[in-house]
Amino acid sequence: MLKLNNGFEIPIVGLGTYARKAEPGQYRQAVEWGIVAGYRHIDTASCYNNEKEVGEAINNKIKQGIVTREDLFITTKLWNDRHAEKDVVPALKESLTKLNLNYVDLYLIHWPVSVNENGEDEGIEHAETWRGMEKTVELGLARSIGVSNFNAQQLDRLMATATIKPVVNQFEINPTLTEHELVNYCKKMSVVPVAYTPLGLISEARPEFIGKDIIKTDPKLGQIADKYRKSRAQVALRYLTQRGIVVVPKSFTKSRIEENINIFDFDLTEEEMKIVDSYNINHRCVPGAAFKNFKNYPF
C-alpha cells in the first residue's frame, strides 16, 4: 500500500483491464481470477468498454463473500469527449451504473486532450475539467481524483489552481521507458506515479517492436530472473515497485495474473536495479499518436 496525499491508501499492484480486443466474458473472468489471486486494486476506464463486465466480476466476488466493497480499490477514467465541466459528473454516473457501484476509489482524467463528438480538438482547459472532477468528490461519487498521461508542466498548472489536489498521475513506465524525471517530479509534488504498460515490450508482439524487446532477450535479465526463481515479467514489476511506483499489469491468462502479483518475496540489489534501468530506450508503447496535433498533447 502507498499513502495518497488525501490520506487514503492505494494497493501498489493493481489489475489492468485494457485490451485491444477480447472475447465476451474475458474481462469478467480476468477480474474474478484477479480478486481470488489477491488483487484488491482494479483499473478500468470508460473507453475500454468493459465496465459492465468488470462490475459483474466485482459484484460476484462480493456476493460470494470473497471480498467486501471496502476491501477493493476501483479506478475508472473520464474520456476525452466529456471534458466540459458540466459533463464530468454525468460521465462518472454512467460509469458507476455500468460498474453497479455507488462510488469509485479513484477517478482519472484519462488524457489531457479534449475532443468533440467528431473527435476534433476542443482544447478545453484542464482547470475547467478539474472543477467537474472536484464535484465528483463533493458528491461522494469518487473518493479520490487524479490524472493520466499528464506531463510535468500540465500537472504543475493543474496543481496551482486545484482546490482538491490530484492524488496520482498514471502514465507509461517500464524498463524501456523509465521516466525518472517525471516520476521524481510527481513524488516531489506528493502525487503517486502509477505505471500502465509496466511490462513494456515484454507484453507485446507487434512487428514494429522487433529489435527493441531487450527485456525479453537480454541474458543478464534472464540471470536475475533465474537467481530469484522468478519470470522476467516479475523482475520488471519488482523493479518498478522498488522505485515506489504503483503498477497495473493486465493479463487474461490465469497463471500470469497470479504471477504478476507474486513479487514481494524478493528484493533486487542496487546493482540489479541499475541493470534493469539500463534497458531504457525511451520507447513509448502508447504514444497517443491520434492526438499528436492537438493543443494539449502531452508528449
C-alpha atoms as a PDB file:
ATOM      1  CA  MET A   1       0.000   0.000   0.000  1.00  0.00           C
ATOM      2  CA  LEU A   2       1.102   3.568  -0.707  1.00  0.00           C
ATOM      3  CA  LYS A   3      -0.377   6.576   1.092  1.00  0.00           C
ATOM      4  CA  LEU A   4      -2.130   9.147  -1.111  1.00  0.00           C
ATOM      5  CA  ASN A   5      -1.957  12.863  -0.363  1.00  0.00           C
ATOM      6  CA  ASN A   6      -5.558  12.834   0.930  1.00  0.00           C
ATOM      7  CA  GLY A   7      -4.969  10.063   3.488  1.00  0.00           C
ATOM      8  CA  PHE A   8      -6.408   7.138   1.526  1.00  0.00           C
ATOM      9  CA  GLU A   9      -4.176   4.230   0.512  1.00  0.00           C
ATOM     10  CA  ILE A  10      -3.661   2.614  -2.892  1.00  0.00           C
ATOM     11  CA  PRO A  11      -2.513  -1.009  -3.347  1.00  0.00           C
ATOM     12  CA  ILE A  12       0.864  -0.987  -5.121  1.00  0.00           C
ATOM     13  CA  VAL A  13      -0.165  -3.742  -7.568  1.00  0.00           C
ATOM     14  CA  GLY A  14      -3.424  -3.444  -9.482  1.00  0.00           C
ATOM     15  CA  LEU A  15      -5.035  -5.441 -12.259  1.00  0.00           C
ATOM     16  CA  GLY A  16      -5.169  -3.596 -15.575  1.00  0.00           C
ATOM     17  CA  THR A  17      -8.092  -4.475 -17.850  1.00  0.00           C
ATOM     18  CA  TYR A  18      -7.359  -2.794 -21.184  1.00  0.00           C
ATOM     19  CA  ALA A  19      -7.256  -4.948 -24.313  1.00  0.00           C
ATOM     20  CA  ARG A  20      -7.417  -4.074 -27.998  1.00  0.00           C
ATOM     21  CA  LYS A  21      -9.841  -6.960 -28.367  1.00  0.00           C
ATOM     22  CA  ALA A  22     -11.334  -9.523 -26.013  1.00  0.00           C
ATOM     23  CA  GLU A  23     -13.944 -12.247 -26.190  1.00  0.00           C
ATOM     24  CA  PRO A  24     -17.262 -11.779 -24.343  1.00  0.00           C
ATOM     25  CA  GLY A  25     -16.768 -12.706 -20.700  1.00  0.00           C
ATOM     26  CA  GLN A  26     -12.978 -12.416 -20.797  1.00  0.00           C
ATOM     27  CA  TYR A  27     -12.849  -9.209 -18.756  1.00  0.00           C
ATOM     28  CA  ARG A  28     -15.189 -10.636 -16.140  1.00  0.00           C
ATOM     29  CA  GLN A  29     -13.175 -13.861 -15.884  1.00  0.00           C
ATOM     30  CA  ALA A  30      -9.849 -11.997 -15.572  1.00  0.00           C
ATOM     31  CA  VAL A  31     -11.140  -9.770 -12.763  1.00  0.00           C
ATOM     32  CA  GLU A  32     -12.654 -12.733 -10.908  1.00  0.00           C
ATOM     33  CA  TRP A  33      -9.353 -14.618 -11.166  1.00  0.00           C
ATOM     34  CA  GLY A  34      -7.545 -11.476 -10.049  1.00  0.00           C
ATOM     35  CA  ILE A  35      -9.650 -10.984  -6.925  1.00  0.00           C
ATOM     36  CA  VAL A  36      -9.218 -14.655  -5.945  1.00  0.00           C
ATOM     37  CA  ALA A  37      -5.437 -14.294  -6.526  1.00  0.00           C
ATOM     38  CA  GLY A  38      -5.322 -11.379  -4.084  1.00  0.00           C
ATOM     39  CA  TYR A  39      -5.706  -8.247  -6.224  1.00  0.00           C
ATOM     40  CA  ARG A  40      -7.629  -5.535  -4.414  1.00  0.00           C
ATOM     41  CA  HIS A  41      -6.936  -2.767  -6.948  1.00  0.00           C
ATOM     42  CA  ILE A  42      -8.805  -2.987 -10.277  1.00  0.00           C
ATOM     43  CA  ASP A  43      -8.155  -0.448 -13.058  1.00  0.00           C
ATOM     44  CA  THR A  44     -10.652   0.204 -15.861  1.00  0.00           C
ATOM     45  CA  ALA A  45     -11.857   3.159 -17.976  1.00  0.00           C
ATOM     46  CA  SER A  46     -14.986   4.219 -19.812  1.00  0.00           C
ATOM     47  CA  CYS A  47     -13.229   3.919 -23.176  1.00  0.00           C
ATOM     48  CA  TYR A  48     -12.245   0.280 -22.513  1.00  0.00           C
ATOM     49  CA  ASN A  49     -15.936  -0.625 -22.980  1.00  0.00           C
ATOM     50  CA  ASN A  50     -15.646  -3.241 -20.253  1.00  0.00           C
ATOM     51  CA  GLU A  51     -17.019  -1.504 -17.148  1.00  0.00           C
ATOM     52  CA  LYS A  52     -20.141  -3.713 -17.186  1.00  0.00           C
ATOM     53  CA  GLU A  53     -18.129  -6.958 -17.127  1.00  0.00           C
ATOM     54  CA  VAL A  54     -15.646  -5.583 -14.600  1.00  0.00           C
ATOM     55  CA  GLY A  55     -18.568  -4.602 -12.371  1.00  0.00           C
ATOM     56  CA  GLU A  56     -20.158  -8.033 -12.718  1.00  0.00           C
ATOM     57  CA  ALA A  57     -16.915  -9.673 -11.583  1.00  0.00           C
ATOM     58  CA  ILE A  58     -16.574  -7.336  -8.598  1.00  0.00           C
ATOM     59  CA  ASN A  59     -20.167  -7.832  -7.509  1.00  0.00           C
ATOM     60  CA  ASN A  60     -19.950 -11.622  -7.987  1.00  0.00           C
ATOM     61  CA  LYS A  61     -16.982 -11.795  -5.607  1.00  0.00           C
ATOM     62  CA  ILE A  62     -18.698  -9.511  -3.085  1.00  0.00           C
ATOM     63  CA  LYS A  63     -21.829 -11.707  -3.173  1.00  0.00           C
ATOM     64  CA  GLN A  64     -19.672 -14.826  -2.719  1.00  0.00           C
ATOM     65  CA  GLY A  65     -18.135 -13.263   0.389  1.00  0.00           C
ATOM     66  CA  ILE A  66     -14.591 -13.337  -1.045  1.00  0.00           C
ATOM     67  CA  VAL A  67     -14.249  -9.559  -0.528  1.00  0.00           C
ATOM     68  CA  THR A  68     -16.271  -6.593   0.670  1.00  0.00           C
ATOM     69  CA  ARG A  69     -16.606  -3.371  -1.305  1.00  0.00           C
ATOM     70  CA  GLU A  70     -14.417  -1.685   1.296  1.00  0.00           C
ATOM     71  CA  ASP A  71     -11.604  -4.181   0.589  1.00  0.00           C
ATOM     72  CA  LEU A  72     -11.369  -3.021  -3.019  1.00  0.00           C
ATOM     73  CA  PHE A  73      -9.796  -0.028  -4.729  1.00  0.00           C
ATOM     74  CA  ILE A  74     -11.570   0.610  -8.043  1.00  0.00           C
ATOM     75  CA  THR A  75     -10.305   3.097 -10.643  1.00  0.00           C
ATOM     76  CA  THR A  76     -12.078   4.312 -13.758  1.00  0.00           C
ATOM     77  CA  LYS A  77     -11.412   7.213 -16.129  1.00  0.00           C
ATOM     78  CA  LEU A  78     -13.077  10.145 -17.876  1.00  0.00           C
ATOM     79  CA  TRP A  79     -12.822  10.004 -21.659  1.00  0.00           C
ATOM     80  CA  ASN A  80     -11.698  12.917 -23.850  1.00  0.00           C
ATOM     81  CA  ASP A  81     -15.181  13.824 -25.123  1.00  0.00           C
ATOM     82  CA  ARG A  82     -16.504  14.624 -21.617  1.00  0.00           C
ATOM     83  CA  HIS A  83     -14.022  17.312 -20.506  1.00  0.00           C
ATOM     84  CA  ALA A  84     -16.589  20.146 -20.239  1.00  0.00           C
ATOM     85  CA  GLU A  85     -17.267  20.833 -16.555  1.00  0.00           C
ATOM     86  CA  LYS A  86     -20.976  20.020 -16.951  1.00  0.00           C
ATOM     87  CA  ASP A  87     -20.209  16.604 -18.489  1.00  0.00           C
ATOM     88  CA  VAL A  88     -17.886  15.178 -15.823  1.00  0.00           C
ATOM     89  CA  VAL A  89     -20.412  14.172 -13.152  1.00  0.00           C
ATOM     90  CA  PRO A  90     -22.845  12.618 -15.678  1.00  0.00           C
ATOM     91  CA  ALA A  91     -19.928  10.690 -17.219  1.00  0.00           C
ATOM     92  CA  LEU A  92     -18.968   9.199 -13.859  1.00  0.00           C
ATOM     93  CA  LYS A  93     -22.594   8.398 -13.056  1.00  0.00           C
ATOM     94  CA  GLU A  94     -22.764   6.433 -16.335  1.00  0.00           C
ATOM     95  CA  SER A  95     -19.603   4.537 -15.371  1.00  0.00           C
ATOM     96  CA  LEU A  96     -20.984   3.787 -11.903  1.00  0.00           C
ATOM     97  CA  THR A  97     -24.210   2.445 -13.422  1.00  0.00           C
ATOM     98  CA  LYS A  98     -22.212   0.099 -15.662  1.00  0.00           C
ATOM     99  CA  LEU A  99     -19.983  -0.959 -12.758  1.00  0.00           C
ATOM    100  CA  ASN A 100     -23.025  -1.324 -10.477  1.00  0.00           C
ATOM    101  CA  LEU A 101     -21.181   0.586  -7.755  1.00  0.00           C
ATOM    102  CA  ASN A 102     -22.082   3.611  -5.619  1.00  0.00           C
ATOM    103  CA  TYR A 103     -18.606   5.144  -5.830  1.00  0.00           C
ATOM    104  CA  VAL A 104     -15.132   4.605  -7.240  1.00  0.00           C
ATOM    105  CA  ASP A 105     -11.990   4.931  -5.180  1.00  0.00           C
ATOM    106  CA  LEU A 106     -10.205   6.854  -7.930  1.00  0.00           C
ATOM    107  CA  TYR A 107     -11.438   8.798 -10.962  1.00  0.00           C
ATOM    108  CA  LEU A 108      -8.869   9.969 -13.504  1.00  0.00           C
ATOM    109  CA  ILE A 109      -8.792  12.375 -16.427  1.00  0.00           C
ATOM    110  CA  HIS A 110      -7.669   9.766 -18.969  1.00  0.00           C
ATOM    111  CA  TRP A 111      -5.776  12.118 -21.319  1.00  0.00           C
ATOM    112  CA  PRO A 112      -5.012  15.843 -21.158  1.00  0.00           C
ATOM    113  CA  VAL A 113      -6.568  16.295 -24.615  1.00  0.00           C
ATOM    114  CA  SER A 114     -10.255  17.029 -25.176  1.00  0.00           C
ATOM    115  CA  VAL A 115     -12.325  16.219 -28.264  1.00  0.00           C
ATOM    116  CA  ASN A 116     -15.810  16.954 -29.555  1.00  0.00           C
ATOM    117  CA  GLU A 117     -18.243  14.271 -30.719  1.00  0.00           C
ATOM    118  CA  ASN A 118     -16.495  14.199 -34.110  1.00  0.00           C
ATOM    119  CA  GLY A 119     -13.107  13.563 -32.489  1.00  0.00           C
ATOM    120  CA  GLU A 120     -11.835  17.084 -33.258  1.00  0.00           C
ATOM    121  CA  ASP A 121      -9.667  19.062 -30.825  1.00  0.00           C
ATOM    122  CA  GLU A 122     -11.672  21.163 -28.368  1.00  0.00           C
ATOM    123  CA  GLY A 123      -8.754  22.481 -26.332  1.00  0.00           C
ATOM    124  CA  ILE A 124     -10.723  22.656 -23.077  1.00  0.00           C
ATOM    125  CA  GLU A 125      -8.590  23.989 -20.235  1.00  0.00           C
ATOM    126  CA  HIS A 126      -7.728  21.437 -17.558  1.00  0.00           C
ATOM    127  CA  ALA A 127      -8.890  23.802 -14.823  1.00  0.00           C
ATOM    128  CA  GLU A 128     -12.443  23.577 -16.200  1.00  0.00           C
ATOM    129  CA  THR A 129     -12.416  19.780 -16.341  1.00  0.00           C
ATOM    130  CA  TRP A 130     -10.911  19.662 -12.854  1.00  0.00           C
ATOM    131  CA  ARG A 131     -13.818  21.657 -11.404  1.00  0.00           C
ATOM    132  CA  GLY A 132     -16.077  18.865 -12.618  1.00  0.00           C
ATOM    133  CA  MET A 133     -13.716  16.262 -11.146  1.00  0.00           C
ATOM    134  CA  GLU A 134     -13.796  18.032  -7.770  1.00  0.00           C
ATOM    135  CA  LYS A 135     -17.597  17.933  -7.904  1.00  0.00           C
ATOM    136  CA  THR A 136     -17.466  14.104  -8.084  1.00  0.00           C
ATOM    137  CA  VAL A 137     -15.653  14.087  -4.728  1.00  0.00           C
ATOM    138  CA  GLU A 138     -18.077  16.572  -3.192  1.00  0.00           C
ATOM    139  CA  LEU A 139     -20.988  14.352  -4.276  1.00  0.00           C
ATOM    140  CA  GLY A 140     -19.356  11.201  -2.875  1.00  0.00           C
ATOM    141  CA  LEU A 141     -19.107   9.566  -6.309  1.00  0.00           C
ATOM    142  CA  ALA A 142     -15.287   9.371  -6.166  1.00  0.00           C
ATOM    143  CA  ARG A 143     -13.125   9.178  -3.069  1.00  0.00           C
ATOM    144  CA  SER A 144     -10.029  10.435  -4.873  1.00  0.00           C
ATOM    145  CA  ILE A 145      -9.307  12.104  -8.209  1.00  0.00           C
ATOM    146  CA  GLY A 146      -6.225  12.225 -10.370  1.00  0.00           C
ATOM    147  CA  VAL A 147      -4.862  12.424 -13.877  1.00  0.00           C
ATOM    148  CA  SER A 148      -3.323  10.189 -16.517  1.00  0.00           C
ATOM    149  CA  ASN A 149      -0.815  10.956 -19.276  1.00  0.00           C
ATOM    150  CA  PHE A 150      -0.125  14.472 -17.935  1.00  0.00           C
ATOM    151  CA  ASN A 151       3.371  15.868 -18.389  1.00  0.00           C
ATOM    152  CA  ALA A 152       5.134  17.841 -15.635  1.00  0.00           C
ATOM    153  CA  GLN A 153       4.065  21.266 -16.958  1.00  0.00           C
ATOM    154  CA  GLN A 154       0.425  20.213 -17.227  1.00  0.00           C
ATOM    155  CA  LEU A 155       0.493  18.724 -13.748  1.00  0.00           C
ATOM    156  CA  ASP A 156       2.136  21.870 -12.380  1.00  0.00           C
ATOM    157  CA  ARG A 157      -0.525  24.153 -13.899  1.00  0.00           C
ATOM    158  CA  LEU A 158      -3.302  21.968 -12.554  1.00  0.00           C
ATOM    159  CA  MET A 159      -1.821  21.830  -9.052  1.00  0.00           C
ATOM    160  CA  ALA A 160      -1.581  25.631  -8.997  1.00  0.00           C
ATOM    161  CA  THR A 161      -5.353  26.113  -9.321  1.00  0.00           C
ATOM    162  CA  ALA A 162      -6.805  22.888  -7.851  1.00  0.00           C
ATOM    163  CA  THR A 163      -8.844  23.003  -4.662  1.00  0.00           C
ATOM    164  CA  ILE A 164      -8.525  19.220  -4.357  1.00  0.00           C
ATOM    165  CA  LYS A 165      -5.042  18.061  -5.377  1.00  0.00           C
ATOM    166  CA  PRO A 166      -4.696  15.138  -7.804  1.00  0.00           C
ATOM    167  CA  VAL A 167      -3.545  12.058  -5.896  1.00  0.00           C
ATOM    168  CA  VAL A 168      -1.942  10.168  -8.815  1.00  0.00           C
ATOM    169  CA  ASN A 169      -0.614  10.588 -12.331  1.00  0.00           C
ATOM    170  CA  GLN A 170      -0.963   7.359 -14.302  1.00  0.00           C
ATOM    171  CA  PHE A 171       1.395   7.148 -17.282  1.00  0.00           C
ATOM    172  CA  GLU A 172       3.504   4.628 -19.157  1.00  0.00           C
ATOM    173  CA  ILE A 173       6.549   3.495 -17.166  1.00  0.00           C
ATOM    174  CA  ASN A 174       8.541   0.317 -17.762  1.00  0.00           C
ATOM    175  CA  PRO A 175      12.169  -0.813 -18.152  1.00  0.00           C
ATOM    176  CA  THR A 176      12.329   0.522 -21.730  1.00  0.00           C
ATOM    177  CA  LEU A 177      10.643   3.831 -20.743  1.00  0.00           C
ATOM    178  CA  THR A 178      11.943   4.559 -17.253  1.00  0.00           C
ATOM    179  CA  GLU A 179      10.617   8.160 -16.972  1.00  0.00           C
ATOM    180  CA  HIS A 180      12.832   9.064 -13.998  1.00  0.00           C
ATOM    181  CA  GLU A 181      12.322  12.798 -14.410  1.00  0.00           C
ATOM    182  CA  LEU A 182       8.520  12.682 -14.397  1.00  0.00           C
ATOM    183  CA  VAL A 183       8.419  10.054 -11.632  1.00  0.00           C
ATOM    184  CA  ASN A 184      10.636  12.220  -9.428  1.00  0.00           C
ATOM    185  CA  TYR A 185       8.567  15.323 -10.215  1.00  0.00           C
ATOM    186  CA  CYS A 186       5.346  13.541  -9.243  1.00  0.00           C
ATOM    187  CA  LYS A 187       6.858  12.414  -5.954  1.00  0.00           C
ATOM    188  CA  LYS A 188       8.095  15.938  -5.252  1.00  0.00           C
ATOM    189  CA  MET A 189       4.512  17.171  -5.735  1.00  0.00           C
ATOM    190  CA  SER A 190       3.130  14.372  -3.469  1.00  0.00           C
ATOM    191  CA  VAL A 191       1.436  12.761  -6.479  1.00  0.00           C
ATOM    192  CA  VAL A 192       1.812   8.970  -6.662  1.00  0.00           C
ATOM    193  CA  PRO A 193       3.143   7.713 -10.027  1.00  0.00           C
ATOM    194  CA  VAL A 194       1.125   4.797 -11.429  1.00  0.00           C
ATOM    195  CA  ALA A 195       2.605   2.739 -14.272  1.00  0.00           C
ATOM    196  CA  TYR A 196       0.434   1.459 -17.073  1.00  0.00           C
ATOM    197  CA  THR A 197       2.003  -0.889 -19.641  1.00  0.00           C
ATOM    198  CA  PRO A 198       4.520  -1.700 -16.859  1.00  0.00           C
ATOM    199  CA  LEU A 199       5.925  -4.653 -18.796  1.00  0.00           C
ATOM    200  CA  GLY A 200       6.511  -2.515 -21.876  1.00  0.00           C
ATOM    201  CA  LEU A 201       7.719  -4.532 -24.808  1.00  0.00           C
ATOM    202  CA  ILE A 202       7.693  -7.818 -22.923  1.00  0.00           C
ATOM    203  CA  SER A 203       3.921  -7.964 -23.259  1.00  0.00           C
ATOM    204  CA  GLU A 204       3.751  -7.007 -26.936  1.00  0.00           C
ATOM    205  CA  ALA A 205       4.446  -8.921 -30.113  1.00  0.00           C
ATOM    206  CA  ARG A 206       3.919  -6.222 -32.722  1.00  0.00           C
ATOM    207  CA  PRO A 207       6.376  -6.235 -35.630  1.00  0.00           C
ATOM    208  CA  GLU A 208       7.465  -2.627 -35.090  1.00  0.00           C
ATOM    209  CA  PHE A 209       8.955  -3.668 -31.732  1.00  0.00           C
ATOM    210  CA  ILE A 210      11.312  -6.286 -33.132  1.00  0.00           C
ATOM    211  CA  GLY A 211      14.853  -5.435 -32.075  1.00  0.00           C
ATOM    212  CA  LYS A 212      13.612  -3.230 -29.217  1.00  0.00           C
ATOM    213  CA  ASP A 213      12.378  -6.003 -26.932  1.00  0.00           C
ATOM    214  CA  ILE A 214      15.517  -6.005 -24.770  1.00  0.00           C
ATOM    215  CA  ILE A 215      13.681  -7.162 -21.673  1.00  0.00           C
ATOM    216  CA  LYS A 216      12.611 -10.354 -23.470  1.00  0.00           C
ATOM    217  CA  THR A 217      16.039 -11.163 -24.840  1.00  0.00           C
ATOM    218  CA  ASP A 218      18.799  -9.721 -22.633  1.00  0.00           C
ATOM    219  CA  PRO A 219      20.702 -12.586 -20.945  1.00  0.00           C
ATOM    220  CA  LYS A 220      21.510 -10.507 -17.827  1.00  0.00           C
ATOM    221  CA  LEU A 221      17.804 -10.178 -17.063  1.00  0.00           C
ATOM    222  CA  GLY A 222      17.424 -13.916 -17.553  1.00  0.00           C
ATOM    223  CA  GLN A 223      20.162 -14.482 -14.984  1.00  0.00           C
ATOM    224  CA  ILE A 224      18.456 -12.189 -12.459  1.00  0.00           C
ATOM    225  CA  ALA A 225      15.137 -13.995 -13.019  1.00  0.00           C
ATOM    226  CA  ASP A 226      16.817 -17.391 -12.586  1.00  0.00           C
ATOM    227  CA  LYS A 227      18.558 -16.239  -9.388  1.00  0.00           C
ATOM    228  CA  TYR A 228      15.228 -15.446  -7.707  1.00  0.00           C
ATOM    229  CA  ARG A 229      13.293 -18.230  -9.484  1.00  0.00           C
ATOM    230  CA  LYS A 230      11.049 -15.597 -10.996  1.00  0.00           C
ATOM    231  CA  SER A 231       9.998 -14.674 -14.530  1.00  0.00           C
ATOM    232  CA  ARG A 232      11.379 -11.721 -16.463  1.00  0.00           C
ATOM    233  CA  ALA A 233       7.995 -10.034 -16.035  1.00  0.00           C
ATOM    234  CA  GLN A 234       8.145 -10.420 -12.255  1.00  0.00           C
ATOM    235  CA  VAL A 235      11.620  -8.850 -12.205  1.00  0.00           C
ATOM    236  CA  ALA A 236      10.360  -5.932 -14.321  1.00  0.00           C
ATOM    237  CA  LEU A 237       7.419  -5.341 -11.972  1.00  0.00           C
ATOM    238  CA  ARG A 238       9.621  -5.603  -8.881  1.00  0.00           C
ATOM    239  CA  TYR A 239      11.969  -3.026 -10.402  1.00  0.00           C
ATOM    240  CA  LEU A 240       9.063  -0.563 -10.613  1.00  0.00           C
ATOM    241  CA  THR A 241       7.573  -1.224  -7.175  1.00  0.00           C
ATOM    242  CA  GLN A 242      11.029  -0.830  -5.589  1.00  0.00           C
ATOM    243  CA  ARG A 243      11.067   2.638  -7.166  1.00  0.00           C
ATOM    244  CA  GLY A 244       7.834   3.436  -5.284  1.00  0.00           C
ATOM    245  CA  ILE A 245       5.667   3.169  -8.387  1.00  0.00           C
ATOM    246  CA  VAL A 246       2.200   1.558  -8.445  1.00  0.00           C
ATOM    247  CA  VAL A 247       1.853  -0.972 -11.295  1.00  0.00           C
ATOM    248  CA  VAL A 248      -1.291  -2.116 -13.134  1.00  0.00           C
ATOM    249  CA  PRO A 249      -0.232  -5.037 -15.376  1.00  0.00           C
ATOM    250  CA  LYS A 250      -3.011  -6.616 -17.421  1.00  0.00           C
ATOM    251  CA  SER A 251      -3.422 -10.225 -18.449  1.00  0.00           C
ATOM    252  CA  PHE A 252      -6.235 -12.564 -19.438  1.00  0.00           C
ATOM    253  CA  THR A 253      -4.217 -15.672 -18.539  1.00  0.00           C
ATOM    254  CA  LYS A 254      -4.882 -17.061 -15.046  1.00  0.00           C
ATOM    255  CA  SER A 255      -1.277 -18.138 -14.409  1.00  0.00           C
ATOM    256  CA  ARG A 256       0.118 -14.743 -15.431  1.00  0.00           C
ATOM    257  CA  ILE A 257      -2.453 -12.866 -13.361  1.00  0.00           C
ATOM    258  CA  GLU A 258      -1.299 -14.909 -10.348  1.00  0.00           C
ATOM    259  CA  GLU A 259       2.378 -14.459 -11.261  1.00  0.00           C
ATOM    260  CA  ASN A 260       2.174 -10.670 -11.615  1.00  0.00           C
ATOM    261  CA  ILE A 261       1.117 -10.126  -8.011  1.00  0.00           C
ATOM    262  CA  ASN A 262       3.655 -12.607  -6.602  1.00  0.00           C
ATOM    263  CA  ILE A 263       6.569 -10.157  -6.481  1.00  0.00           C
ATOM    264  CA  PHE A 264       7.063  -9.354  -2.804  1.00  0.00           C
ATOM    265  CA  ASP A 265       9.186 -12.290  -1.651  1.00  0.00           C
ATOM    266  CA  PHE A 266      12.423 -10.942  -3.161  1.00  0.00           C
ATOM    267  CA  ASP A 267      14.305  -7.647  -3.452  1.00  0.00           C
ATOM    268  CA  LEU A 268      16.542  -6.593  -6.322  1.00  0.00           C
ATOM    269  CA  THR A 269      20.005  -5.384  -5.307  1.00  0.00           C
ATOM    270  CA  GLU A 270      21.185  -1.901  -6.213  1.00  0.00           C
ATOM    271  CA  GLU A 271      23.304  -3.391  -8.994  1.00  0.00           C
ATOM    272  CA  GLU A 272      20.347  -5.361 -10.379  1.00  0.00           C
ATOM    273  CA  MET A 273      18.180  -2.236 -10.308  1.00  0.00           C
ATOM    274  CA  LYS A 274      20.870  -0.491 -12.391  1.00  0.00           C
ATOM    275  CA  ILE A 275      20.873  -3.355 -14.899  1.00  0.00           C
ATOM    276  CA  VAL A 276      17.100  -3.130 -15.415  1.00  0.00           C
ATOM    277  CA  ASP A 277      17.403   0.663 -15.539  1.00  0.00           C
ATOM    278  CA  SER A 278      19.918   0.339 -18.377  1.00  0.00           C
ATOM    279  CA  TYR A 279      17.229  -1.067 -20.700  1.00  0.00           C
ATOM    280  CA  ASN A 280      15.720   2.394 -21.133  1.00  0.00           C
ATOM    281  CA  ILE A 281      15.424   3.356 -24.813  1.00  0.00           C
ATOM    282  CA  ASN A 282      12.688   5.989 -24.316  1.00  0.00           C
ATOM    283  CA  HIS A 283      10.350   3.826 -26.373  1.00  0.00           C
ATOM    284  CA  ARG A 284       6.664   4.616 -25.860  1.00  0.00           C
ATOM    285  CA  CYS A 285       4.267   1.712 -26.481  1.00  0.00           C
ATOM    286  CA  VAL A 286       1.269   4.059 -26.162  1.00  0.00           C
ATOM    287  CA  PRO A 287       2.223   7.309 -27.940  1.00  0.00           C
ATOM    288  CA  GLY A 288      -1.346   8.597 -28.347  1.00  0.00           C
ATOM    289  CA  ALA A 289      -0.452   9.362 -31.957  1.00  0.00           C
ATOM    290  CA  ALA A 290      -4.051  10.218 -32.849  1.00  0.00           C
ATOM    291  CA  PHE A 291      -3.762  13.310 -30.621  1.00  0.00           C
ATOM    292  CA  LYS A 292      -0.343  14.441 -31.844  1.00  0.00           C
ATOM    293  CA  ASN A 293      -1.550  17.727 -33.355  1.00  0.00           C
ATOM    294  CA  PHE A 294      -3.934  18.565 -30.513  1.00  0.00           C
ATOM    295  CA  LYS A 295      -3.407  21.571 -28.263  1.00  0.00           C
ATOM    296  CA  ASN A 296      -2.785  19.602 -25.058  1.00  0.00           C
ATOM    297  CA  TYR A 297      -0.861  16.633 -26.496  1.00  0.00           C
ATOM    298  CA  PRO A 298       1.487  15.701 -23.617  1.00  0.00           C
ATOM    299  CA  PHE A 299       4.452  14.032 -25.339  1.00  0.00           C
END
